[in-house]
Amino acid sequence: MADPAPHSTLDTIGGDTAGRSLEVLRPGGRLVTAVAEEDSELVARFEAAGMRFSGIAVDPDPVALRALVELVEQGRLRVHVQESFPFERVVDAHRLLDDGHLRGKLVLTV
């Protein structure tokens, strides 16, 4: 069976997401962050674990966004959804988010 750990993670949330990525990435994995400051201690932790840490600057780019949409539509880019909630349960969804134990995205359906 293939290793279920991801090759890479993209952090668009911040907080302790970068540090938590160390727990889930496979050896040789990479974290790319659009929100975290490049912290020398965090970079050293990634390097010690045989992983890579890099940051990117993000500006609105409709062409790139369309390319991402196409990758999703082709099944080449998958988003892990941990749980979906009807909008009426937004409080429950927010509690799960606040608990900090997410391993994917939360979806609210309207």
Foldseek 3Di string as FASTA:
>chain_A
DDDPADQEEEAADDDCVLVCNLVRHDAQHEYEYQDDDPDPVSQVVQVVSNYGYYYDHDDDDPVVVVVVVVCVVVVNDDFDEPEEEEQVVVVVVVVVVVVVPDPTHYHYHD
